[in-house]
C-alpha atoms as a PDB file:
ATOM      1  CA  UNK A   1       0.287 339.633   8.848  1.00  0.00           C
ATOM      2  CA  UNK A   2      -2.404 338.799   6.267  1.00  0.00           C
ATOM      3  CA  UNK A   3      -5.756 336.494   7.454  1.00  0.00           C
ATOM      4  CA  UNK A   4      -8.128 334.432   5.545  1.00  0.00           C
ATOM      5  CA  UNK A   5     -11.326 333.668   6.482  1.00  0.00           C
ATOM      6  CA  UNK A   6     -13.183 331.128   5.164  1.00  0.00           C
ATOM      7  CA  UNK A   7     -17.053 330.923   5.037  1.00  0.00           C
ATOM      8  CA  UNK A   8     -18.278 327.480   4.964  1.00  0.00           C
ATOM      9  CA  UNK A   9     -21.820 327.219   6.362  1.00  0.00           C
ATOM     10  CA  UNK A  10     -21.871 329.768   8.976  1.00  0.00           C
ATOM     11  CA  UNK A  11     -22.477 332.954   6.710  1.00  0.00           C
ATOM     12  CA  UNK A  12     -22.972 335.968   9.818  1.00  0.00           C
ATOM     13  CA  UNK A  13     -20.729 338.283  10.580  1.00  0.00           C
ATOM     14  CA  UNK A  14     -22.640 339.501  13.586  1.00  0.00           C
ATOM     15  CA  UNK A  15     -21.943 336.945  15.955  1.00  0.00           C
ATOM     16  CA  UNK A  16     -18.793 334.809  14.117  1.00  0.00           C
ATOM     17  CA  UNK A  17     -16.173 334.384  16.345  1.00  0.00           C
ATOM     18  CA  UNK A  18     -13.857 334.013  13.720  1.00  0.00           C
ATOM     19  CA  UNK A  19     -14.807 336.797  11.872  1.00  0.00           C
ATOM     20  CA  UNK A  20     -14.865 338.942  15.396  1.00  0.00           C
ATOM     21  CA  UNK A  21     -10.930 337.470  15.642  1.00  0.00           C
ATOM     22  CA  UNK A  22      -9.448 338.159  12.511  1.00  0.00           C
ATOM     23  CA  UNK A  23     -10.579 341.826  12.186  1.00  0.00           C
ATOM     24  CA  UNK A  24      -9.843 342.087  15.399  1.00  0.00           C
ATOM     25  CA  UNK A  25      -6.009 340.533  15.452  1.00  0.00           C
ATOM     26  CA  UNK A  26      -5.052 341.315  11.967  1.00  0.00           C
ATOM     27  CA  UNK A  27      -2.082 343.415  11.307  1.00  0.00           C
ATOM     28  CA  UNK A  28      -2.840 343.770   7.841  1.00  0.00           C
ATOM     29  CA  UNK A  29      -5.897 342.969   5.520  1.00  0.00           C
ATOM     30  CA  UNK A  30      -8.256 339.812   6.068  1.00  0.00           C
ATOM     31  CA  UNK A  31      -9.753 338.183   3.008  1.00  0.00           C
ATOM     32  CA  UNK A  32     -12.900 336.776   2.834  1.00  0.00           C
ATOM     33  CA  UNK A  33     -13.524 333.783   0.975  1.00  0.00           C
ATOM     34  CA  UNK A  34     -16.462 331.182  -0.025  1.00  0.00           C
ATOM     35  CA  UNK A  35     -15.962 328.410  -2.004  1.00  0.00           C
ATOM     36  CA  UNK A  36     -19.378 327.110  -3.801  1.00  0.00           C
ATOM     37  CA  UNK A  37     -18.696 323.452  -4.167  1.00  0.00           C
ATOM     38  CA  UNK A  38     -19.725 321.942  -8.258  1.00  0.00           C
ATOM     39  CA  UNK A  39     -20.727 318.905  -6.307  1.00  0.00           C
ATOM     40  CA  UNK A  40     -23.673 320.422  -5.358  1.00  0.00           C
ATOM     41  CA  UNK A  41     -25.095 320.710  -8.793  1.00  0.00           C
ATOM     42  CA  UNK A  42     -24.702 316.908  -9.131  1.00  0.00           C
ATOM     43  CA  UNK A  43     -27.829 314.827  -9.183  1.00  0.00           C
ATOM     44  CA  UNK A  44     -28.070 312.211  -6.718  1.00  0.00           C
ATOM     45  CA  UNK A  45     -28.715 308.408  -7.323  1.00  0.00           C
ATOM     46  CA  UNK A  46     -32.196 308.942  -6.282  1.00  0.00           C
ATOM     47  CA  UNK A  47     -32.701 311.844  -9.949  1.00  0.00           C
ATOM     48  CA  UNK A  48     -32.624 314.726  -7.052  1.00  0.00           C
ATOM     49  CA  UNK A  49     -30.523 317.546  -7.187  1.00  0.00           C
ATOM     50  CA  UNK A  50     -27.908 317.531  -4.393  1.00  0.00           C
ATOM     51  CA  UNK A  51     -28.900 321.599  -3.504  1.00  0.00           C
ATOM     52  CA  UNK A  52     -32.279 322.427  -4.879  1.00  0.00           C
ATOM     53  CA  UNK A  53     -33.805 325.897  -6.476  1.00  0.00           C
ATOM     54  CA  UNK A  54     -34.766 327.134  -3.584  1.00  0.00           C
ATOM     55  CA  UNK A  55     -31.641 326.816  -1.291  1.00  0.00           C
ATOM     56  CA  UNK A  56     -29.859 327.389  -4.112  1.00  0.00           C
ATOM     57  CA  UNK A  57     -31.705 331.096  -4.439  1.00  0.00           C
ATOM     58  CA  UNK A  58     -31.161 331.452  -0.289  1.00  0.00           C
ATOM     59  CA  UNK A  59     -27.285 330.619  -0.855  1.00  0.00           C
ATOM     60  CA  UNK A  60     -27.303 332.966  -3.052  1.00  0.00           C
ATOM     61  CA  UNK A  61     -29.083 336.064  -1.434  1.00  0.00           C
ATOM     62  CA  UNK A  62     -27.393 335.304   1.953  1.00  0.00           C
ATOM     63  CA  UNK A  63     -23.967 335.530  -0.197  1.00  0.00           C
ATOM     64  CA  UNK A  64     -25.137 339.184  -1.881  1.00  0.00           C
ATOM     65  CA  UNK A  65     -26.013 339.986   1.796  1.00  0.00           C
ATOM     66  CA  UNK A  66     -22.804 338.987   3.489  1.00  0.00           C
ATOM     67  CA  UNK A  67     -20.803 340.898   0.843  1.00  0.00           C
ATOM     68  CA  UNK A  68     -22.887 343.831   1.398  1.00  0.00           C
ATOM     69  CA  UNK A  69     -22.224 343.638   5.028  1.00  0.00           C
ATOM     70  CA  UNK A  70     -18.487 343.031   4.422  1.00  0.00           C
ATOM     71  CA  UNK A  71     -18.529 345.994   2.150  1.00  0.00           C
ATOM     72  CA  UNK A  72     -20.166 348.195   5.105  1.00  0.00           C
ATOM     73  CA  UNK A  73     -17.543 347.435   6.931  1.00  0.00           C
ATOM     74  CA  UNK A  74     -14.686 348.373   4.680  1.00  0.00           C
ATOM     75  CA  UNK A  75     -14.050 344.980   3.431  1.00  0.00           C
ATOM     76  CA  UNK A  76     -14.920 342.586   0.528  1.00  0.00           C
END
């Protein structure tokens, strides 16, 4: 059985119960996904971006780190 892990807000592997369960219980492969919500690029009614530049940079760095950690464990 193939498992899917959808990363939403918690991008950690070490103490992520969903990742642990999926990788331990999977009889087949596990797919990992993160969906970037295009609404984060919108400007609010106050004229501010929903997701500021520092947060976008942090998110990008966190996703690269997550990808590196998954690859180190034989996943992508």
